[in-house]
């Protein structure tokens, strides 16, 4: 027995050295702030975590950066990579074709919309809209013309209208305005036949004018409220919404029957957003928040709360022996504070 124990210890050491010499193929995709390239080096929360895991487990790894998210996952399912790491949501559908580590990040979906230009509140934008200003201008024109027609009929019979044309336009307008709003002046009743007939016509038509004017204001305010405010998922219907094809956000929008444009990558989607072609983007909250706080701080803002909470994990081929080792290493990194330090570095606080 005494001779066997040293042999066992030597074998364990040799196995450990063999494990430490293991070189892995890791797959990733650019997703700021989880995985990106700065100054020619891979960086980001997920990249730092991968380095910490490699140091803990004695790995050496070769990193392959893919253009598309789907290509990164395909590298795992097709056996071309030993693991994939970025912002990979752990879902039941993906669990069918690959294995996942314990969660490495708690995330969710959120909505990003263009930042309002000009800074005017929706009510003021509606008041100063072209349609409403046109309606107000037409109302003033009708009142001025109606008042001048009454001046033409009444200028020789009604003392109120007995004045030259250049002085009569405002008193005539004021008379017509009071007729529409208050029913007219009792002491300034038209005295000519045509004036009385025209006055009755003005009173009756004013009911329709006021109704149309109120309806116009209401319609403008309603359109502004519908088209100008996105604060939740319920406001996405009828809007130009975008997300990335095959993402968990796309699946969520499909289940809610929200029409959307599906992009094959993050960069083209953000380019369309910056070009003003989109009303809203629905995607992973930390990625959109990072964009809105940095590259898009001039033209993007996050709205609503985070919804459809989900966890990110590291993906492995089905049955990979690396899963258990990684899970143990993740627990160790959480216990010794290394994970919390990484989280603070990239997001300002530990989870």
Protein backbone atom coordinates (compact mmCIF):
# COMPACT_ATOMS: atom_id res chain seq x y z
CA UNK A 1 0.00 0.00 0.00
CA UNK A 2 2.83 2.40 0.86
CA UNK A 3 4.30 1.83 -2.59
CA UNK A 4 0.95 2.38 -4.34
CA UNK A 5 0.18 5.78 -2.75
CA UNK A 6 3.22 7.59 -4.26
CA UNK A 7 2.36 6.14 -7.65
CA UNK A 8 -1.19 7.47 -7.37
CA UNK A 9 0.06 10.93 -6.41
CA UNK A 10 2.43 10.99 -9.37
CA UNK A 11 -0.40 9.97 -11.69
CA UNK A 12 -2.62 12.72 -10.33
CA UNK A 13 0.15 15.26 -10.85
CA UNK A 14 0.67 14.08 -14.41
CA UNK A 15 -3.05 14.31 -15.12
CA UNK A 16 -3.12 17.80 -13.65
CA UNK A 17 -0.21 18.84 -15.84
CA UNK A 18 -1.97 17.38 -18.83
CA UNK A 19 -5.11 19.35 -18.00
CA UNK A 20 -3.08 22.51 -17.56
CA UNK A 21 -1.54 21.96 -20.99
CA UNK A 22 -5.01 21.75 -22.55
CA UNK A 23 -5.51 24.26 -25.38
CA UNK A 24 -9.10 25.18 -26.16
CA UNK A 25 -10.85 26.85 -29.07
CA UNK A 26 -13.13 29.66 -27.84
CA UNK A 27 -15.76 31.30 -30.01
CA UNK A 28 -17.08 34.84 -29.56
CA UNK A 29 -18.76 37.75 -31.34
CA UNK A 30 -18.51 41.49 -30.88
CA UNK A 31 -21.09 42.68 -28.36
CA UNK A 32 -20.04 45.79 -26.47
CA UNK A 33 -19.43 45.82 -23.49
CA UNK A 34 -19.18 42.02 -23.23
CA UNK A 35 -16.83 41.24 -26.08
CA UNK A 36 -15.04 43.67 -28.36
CA UNK A 37 -11.62 44.59 -29.70
CA UNK A 38 -9.73 47.67 -28.50
CA UNK A 39 -6.21 48.49 -29.66
CA UNK A 40 -5.99 45.07 -31.24
CA UNK A 41 -6.77 43.18 -28.02
CA UNK A 42 -9.91 41.33 -26.97
CA UNK A 43 -11.62 43.10 -24.08
CA UNK A 44 -14.97 43.32 -22.36
CA UNK A 45 -16.70 41.70 -19.40
CA UNK A 46 -16.94 38.26 -21.00
CA UNK A 47 -13.35 38.38 -22.26
CA UNK A 48 -12.04 39.29 -18.82
CA UNK A 49 -14.10 36.50 -17.30
CA UNK A 50 -12.71 34.03 -19.84
CA UNK A 51 -9.17 35.06 -18.92
CA UNK A 52 -9.95 34.61 -15.22
CA UNK A 53 -11.38 31.14 -15.87
CA UNK A 54 -8.37 30.17 -17.99
CA UNK A 55 -6.00 31.26 -15.23
CA UNK A 56 -7.97 29.37 -12.59
CA UNK A 57 -8.25 26.18 -14.64
CA UNK A 58 -4.82 26.34 -16.27
CA UNK A 59 -6.19 26.66 -19.80
CA UNK A 60 -4.60 27.96 -22.92
CA UNK A 61 -7.10 29.04 -25.53
CA UNK A 62 -7.32 30.30 -29.07
CA UNK A 63 -10.08 32.92 -29.62
CA UNK A 64 -12.07 33.09 -32.85
CA UNK A 65 -14.22 36.17 -33.36
CA UNK A 66 -17.21 35.67 -35.65
CA UNK A 67 -19.16 38.28 -37.58
CA UNK A 68 -22.58 36.87 -36.74
CA UNK A 69 -24.01 35.65 -33.43
CA UNK A 70 -25.40 32.53 -35.09
CA UNK A 71 -22.00 31.62 -36.49
CA UNK A 72 -20.54 31.75 -32.98
CA UNK A 73 -23.15 29.26 -31.71
CA UNK A 74 -22.80 27.07 -34.80
CA UNK A 75 -19.10 26.72 -34.07
CA UNK A 76 -20.06 25.08 -30.76
CA UNK A 77 -22.84 22.84 -32.04
CA UNK A 78 -20.73 21.69 -35.00
CA UNK A 79 -17.74 20.85 -32.81
CA UNK A 80 -15.47 23.58 -34.20
CA UNK A 81 -15.15 25.31 -30.81
CA UNK A 82 -14.89 24.02 -27.25
CA UNK A 83 -16.92 26.92 -25.88
CA UNK A 84 -18.63 30.17 -26.84
CA UNK A 85 -18.79 33.26 -24.67
CA UNK A 86 -20.25 36.75 -25.15
CA UNK A 87 -23.82 37.67 -24.21
CA UNK A 88 -25.41 34.26 -24.79
CA UNK A 89 -28.86 33.92 -23.25
CA UNK A 90 -29.63 30.59 -21.64
CA UNK A 91 -32.84 29.37 -23.27
CA UNK A 92 -34.69 26.08 -23.48
CA UNK A 93 -34.38 26.05 -27.27
CA UNK A 94 -30.60 26.44 -27.14
CA UNK A 95 -30.27 23.90 -24.34
CA UNK A 96 -31.46 21.24 -26.80
CA UNK A 97 -28.36 21.57 -28.97
CA UNK A 98 -25.72 22.71 -26.45
CA UNK A 99 -24.88 22.79 -22.74
CA UNK A 100 -24.53 25.89 -20.58
CA UNK A 101 -22.51 26.87 -17.58
CA UNK A 102 -24.04 28.44 -14.52
CA UNK A 103 -25.27 31.99 -15.24
CA UNK A 104 -22.47 34.50 -15.63
CA UNK A 105 -24.69 37.61 -15.92
CA UNK A 106 -28.31 38.54 -15.21
CA UNK A 107 -29.83 40.47 -18.07
CA UNK A 108 -33.15 41.17 -19.79
CA UNK A 109 -34.68 43.10 -22.66
CA UNK A 110 -35.29 46.82 -22.88
CA UNK A 111 -36.47 49.41 -25.41
CA UNK A 112 -34.30 52.14 -26.90
CA UNK A 113 -35.84 55.06 -28.78
CA UNK A 114 -34.47 58.20 -30.46
CA UNK A 115 -33.88 61.10 -28.14
CA UNK A 116 -36.42 63.85 -28.78
CA UNK A 117 -34.97 66.71 -30.85
CA UNK A 118 -35.80 70.25 -29.82
CA UNK A 119 -36.80 69.29 -26.30
CA UNK A 120 -40.47 70.37 -26.64
CA UNK A 121 -43.01 68.34 -24.64
CA UNK A 122 -45.61 66.41 -26.66
CA UNK A 123 -48.38 68.94 -25.75
CA UNK A 124 -46.40 71.90 -27.11
CA UNK A 125 -45.37 69.95 -30.20
CA UNK A 126 -49.05 69.29 -30.88
CA UNK A 127 -50.03 72.95 -30.34
CA UNK A 128 -47.31 74.16 -32.71
CA UNK A 129 -47.87 71.46 -35.32
CA UNK A 130 -48.45 72.57 -38.92
CA UNK A 131 -51.96 71.10 -39.09
CA UNK A 132 -53.15 72.88 -35.97
CA UNK A 133 -51.58 76.21 -36.95
CA UNK A 134 -53.26 75.94 -40.35
CA UNK A 135 -56.64 75.29 -38.71
CA UNK A 136 -56.21 78.31 -36.43
CA UNK A 137 -55.19 80.50 -39.39
CA UNK A 138 -58.26 79.44 -41.40
CA UNK A 139 -60.52 80.16 -38.41
CA UNK A 140 -59.13 83.70 -38.10
CA UNK A 141 -59.53 84.25 -41.84
CA UNK A 142 -63.18 83.14 -41.75
CA UNK A 143 -63.92 85.45 -38.81
CA UNK A 144 -62.28 88.45 -40.49
CA UNK A 145 -64.12 87.85 -43.79
CA UNK A 146 -67.44 87.30 -42.00
CA UNK A 147 -66.99 90.48 -39.98
CA UNK A 148 -66.18 92.52 -43.09
CA UNK A 149 -69.24 91.16 -44.92
CA UNK A 150 -71.38 92.27 -41.97
CA UNK A 151 -69.66 95.69 -42.05
CA UNK A 152 -70.60 95.97 -45.73
CA UNK A 153 -74.29 95.34 -44.96
CA UNK A 154 -74.53 97.31 -41.72
CA UNK A 155 -72.15 100.28 -42.07
CA UNK A 156 -75.00 102.72 -42.83
CA UNK A 157 -77.56 101.24 -40.39
CA UNK A 158 -75.61 100.13 -37.31
CA UNK A 159 -73.53 102.78 -35.49
CA UNK A 160 -71.01 100.11 -34.43
CA UNK A 161 -70.04 99.53 -38.09
CA UNK A 162 -70.11 103.20 -39.10
CA UNK A 163 -66.40 103.67 -39.81
CA UNK A 164 -64.01 103.55 -42.80
CA UNK A 165 -62.79 100.18 -44.07
CA UNK A 166 -59.22 100.72 -42.88
CA UNK A 167 -60.56 101.14 -39.32
CA UNK A 168 -63.34 98.57 -39.53
CA UNK A 169 -61.42 95.31 -39.89
CA UNK A 170 -60.66 94.72 -36.20
CA UNK A 171 -64.09 95.84 -34.79
CA UNK A 172 -65.72 93.64 -37.44
CA UNK A 173 -63.49 90.71 -36.57
CA UNK A 174 -64.23 91.28 -32.85
CA UNK A 175 -67.97 91.31 -33.56
CA UNK A 176 -67.75 88.03 -35.51
CA UNK A 177 -65.61 86.43 -32.77
CA UNK A 178 -68.13 87.36 -30.08
CA UNK A 179 -70.94 86.09 -32.29
CA UNK A 180 -69.25 82.68 -32.58
CA UNK A 181 -68.17 82.43 -28.95
CA UNK A 182 -70.94 84.24 -27.03
CA UNK A 183 -73.81 84.45 -29.51
CA UNK A 184 -73.17 88.11 -30.35
CA UNK A 185 -73.82 91.50 -28.77
CA UNK A 186 -77.43 92.06 -27.79
CA UNK A 187 -77.17 95.83 -28.36
CA UNK A 188 -75.51 95.36 -31.76
CA UNK A 189 -78.18 93.29 -33.50
CA UNK A 190 -78.04 93.65 -37.29
CA UNK A 191 -80.68 96.08 -38.61
CA UNK A 192 -80.73 95.42 -42.35
CA UNK A 193 -82.46 92.43 -43.89
CA UNK A 194 -79.28 91.06 -45.45
CA UNK A 195 -77.35 91.73 -42.23
CA UNK A 196 -79.87 89.77 -40.16
CA UNK A 197 -79.95 86.88 -42.63
CA UNK A 198 -76.16 86.82 -42.71
CA UNK A 199 -76.03 87.02 -38.89
CA UNK A 200 -78.33 84.01 -38.56
CA UNK A 201 -76.19 82.15 -41.10
CA UNK A 202 -73.07 82.97 -39.08
CA UNK A 203 -74.62 81.76 -35.82
CA UNK A 204 -75.72 78.46 -37.33
CA UNK A 205 -72.46 77.88 -39.22
CA UNK A 206 -70.42 78.78 -36.11
CA UNK A 207 -71.72 75.61 -34.44
CA UNK A 208 -70.12 73.55 -37.17
CA UNK A 209 -66.97 75.69 -37.25
CA UNK A 210 -66.43 75.26 -33.51
CA UNK A 211 -67.10 71.52 -33.72
CA UNK A 212 -64.66 71.07 -36.59
CA UNK A 213 -62.05 73.16 -34.80
CA UNK A 214 -62.33 71.09 -31.61
CA UNK A 215 -62.23 67.87 -33.65
CA UNK A 216 -59.09 69.07 -35.42
CA UNK A 217 -57.34 69.83 -32.13
CA UNK A 218 -58.37 66.45 -30.75
CA UNK A 219 -57.13 64.57 -33.80
CA UNK A 220 -53.76 66.33 -33.77
CA UNK A 221 -53.32 65.62 -30.06
CA UNK A 222 -54.32 61.98 -30.56
CA UNK A 223 -51.91 61.46 -33.45
CA UNK A 224 -49.12 63.06 -31.43
CA UNK A 225 -49.86 60.82 -28.47
CA UNK A 226 -49.89 57.69 -30.63
CA UNK A 227 -46.85 58.44 -32.80
CA UNK A 228 -44.66 60.31 -30.36
CA UNK A 229 -44.62 58.25 -27.17
CA UNK A 230 -43.06 54.81 -26.72
CA UNK A 231 -42.73 53.88 -23.08
CA UNK A 232 -43.52 50.16 -22.97
CA UNK A 233 -44.04 47.07 -25.10
CA UNK A 234 -47.69 48.01 -25.60
CA UNK A 235 -46.59 51.17 -27.43
CA UNK A 236 -44.59 49.23 -30.05
CA UNK A 237 -47.57 48.27 -32.22
CA UNK A 238 -47.62 50.24 -35.46
CA UNK A 239 -44.08 51.55 -34.92
CA UNK A 240 -40.89 50.85 -36.85
CA UNK A 241 -39.34 48.34 -34.44
CA UNK A 242 -36.09 46.44 -34.94
CA UNK A 243 -34.12 43.67 -33.29
CA UNK A 244 -31.60 41.01 -34.29
CA UNK A 245 -32.78 37.93 -36.12
CA UNK A 246 -32.85 34.78 -34.01
CA UNK A 247 -32.36 36.63 -30.72
CA UNK A 248 -34.47 36.19 -27.61
CA UNK A 249 -35.88 39.66 -28.34
CA UNK A 250 -37.07 38.44 -31.75
CA UNK A 251 -38.79 35.47 -30.11
CA UNK A 252 -40.46 37.77 -27.60
CA UNK A 253 -41.75 40.13 -30.30
CA UNK A 254 -43.04 37.15 -32.30
CA UNK A 255 -45.03 35.94 -29.29
CA UNK A 256 -46.50 39.43 -28.80
CA UNK A 257 -47.35 39.74 -32.54
CA UNK A 258 -45.28 42.93 -32.85
CA UNK A 259 -44.07 43.55 -36.41
CA UNK A 260 -40.35 44.25 -36.58
CA UNK A 261 -37.37 44.50 -38.88
CA UNK A 262 -34.88 41.66 -38.29
CA UNK A 263 -31.21 42.56 -38.74
CA UNK A 264 -28.43 40.00 -39.03
CA UNK A 265 -26.13 41.90 -36.71
CA UNK A 266 -25.86 44.67 -34.14
CA UNK A 267 -23.88 47.12 -36.27
CA UNK A 268 -26.36 47.34 -39.19
CA UNK A 269 -29.25 47.70 -36.73
CA UNK A 270 -27.56 50.59 -34.91
CA UNK A 271 -26.68 52.17 -38.25
CA UNK A 272 -30.36 52.13 -39.25
CA UNK A 273 -31.26 53.60 -35.85
CA UNK A 274 -28.74 56.41 -36.26
CA UNK A 275 -30.06 57.11 -39.76
CA UNK A 276 -33.54 57.73 -38.33
CA UNK A 277 -35.10 54.69 -40.00
CA UNK A 278 -36.34 53.16 -36.72
CA UNK A 279 -38.73 54.27 -33.99
CA UNK A 280 -37.55 51.72 -31.43
CA UNK A 281 -34.98 48.98 -30.89
CA UNK A 282 -35.70 46.00 -28.62
CA UNK A 283 -32.65 44.05 -27.50
CA UNK A 284 -30.49 43.08 -24.52
CA UNK A 285 -30.67 45.82 -21.91
CA UNK A 286 -26.94 46.06 -20.99
CA UNK A 287 -25.86 46.31 -24.63
CA UNK A 288 -28.41 48.99 -25.52
CA UNK A 289 -27.72 50.86 -22.27
CA UNK A 290 -23.98 50.91 -22.98
CA UNK A 291 -24.62 52.23 -26.50
CA UNK A 292 -27.06 54.91 -25.27
CA UNK A 293 -24.56 56.05 -22.62
CA UNK A 294 -21.57 56.19 -24.98
CA UNK A 295 -21.74 56.13 -28.79
CA UNK A 296 -25.44 57.04 -28.92
CA UNK A 297 -25.65 59.50 -26.04
CA UNK A 298 -26.64 62.32 -28.44
CA UNK A 299 -29.51 60.52 -30.17
CA UNK A 300 -30.66 57.57 -28.03
CA UNK A 301 -32.46 57.08 -24.74
CA UNK A 302 -33.66 54.01 -22.84
CA UNK A 303 -37.36 53.85 -21.91
CA UNK A 304 -39.43 51.58 -19.71
CA UNK A 305 -38.24 48.88 -17.36
CA UNK A 306 -36.19 45.79 -18.13
CA UNK A 307 -38.51 42.91 -19.04
CA UNK A 308 -38.19 39.21 -19.88
CA UNK A 309 -35.39 38.67 -17.39
CA UNK A 310 -32.80 36.21 -18.65
CA UNK A 311 -29.35 34.91 -17.77
CA UNK A 312 -26.21 34.78 -19.89
CA UNK A 313 -24.06 31.68 -19.79
CA UNK A 314 -21.06 30.07 -21.46
CA UNK A 315 -22.08 27.61 -24.19
CA UNK A 316 -20.43 24.21 -24.66
CA UNK A 317 -20.98 21.27 -26.99
CA UNK A 318 -23.49 18.81 -25.57
CA UNK A 319 -21.83 16.51 -23.04
CA UNK A 320 -18.68 18.60 -22.76
CA UNK A 321 -16.52 17.60 -19.75
CA UNK A 322 -15.56 21.27 -19.35
CA UNK A 323 -18.93 22.32 -17.93
CA UNK A 324 -18.38 21.02 -14.41
CA UNK A 325 -14.88 22.48 -14.18
CA UNK A 326 -16.14 25.87 -15.32
CA UNK A 327 -19.03 25.82 -12.86
CA UNK A 328 -16.67 25.09 -9.98
CA UNK A 329 -14.32 27.85 -11.15
CA UNK A 330 -17.21 30.33 -11.43
CA UNK A 331 -18.22 29.57 -7.84
CA UNK A 332 -14.63 30.11 -6.73
CA UNK A 333 -14.45 33.46 -8.57
CA UNK A 334 -17.67 34.59 -6.91
CA UNK A 335 -16.50 33.51 -3.46
CA UNK A 336 -13.11 35.22 -3.62
CA UNK A 337 -14.55 38.49 -4.98
CA UNK A 338 -13.00 38.28 -8.45
CA UNK A 339 -16.38 38.16 -10.20
CA UNK A 340 -17.66 41.16 -8.24
CA UNK A 341 -14.54 43.11 -9.21
CA UNK A 342 -15.12 42.36 -12.91
CA UNK A 343 -18.76 43.39 -12.63
CA UNK A 344 -17.82 46.69 -10.98
CA UNK A 345 -15.19 47.34 -13.66
CA UNK A 346 -17.68 47.11 -16.53
CA UNK A 347 -21.04 47.99 -14.99
CA UNK A 348 -20.24 50.01 -11.89
CA UNK A 349 -21.66 47.62 -9.31
CA UNK A 350 -21.62 43.95 -8.46
CA UNK A 351 -24.73 41.89 -9.23
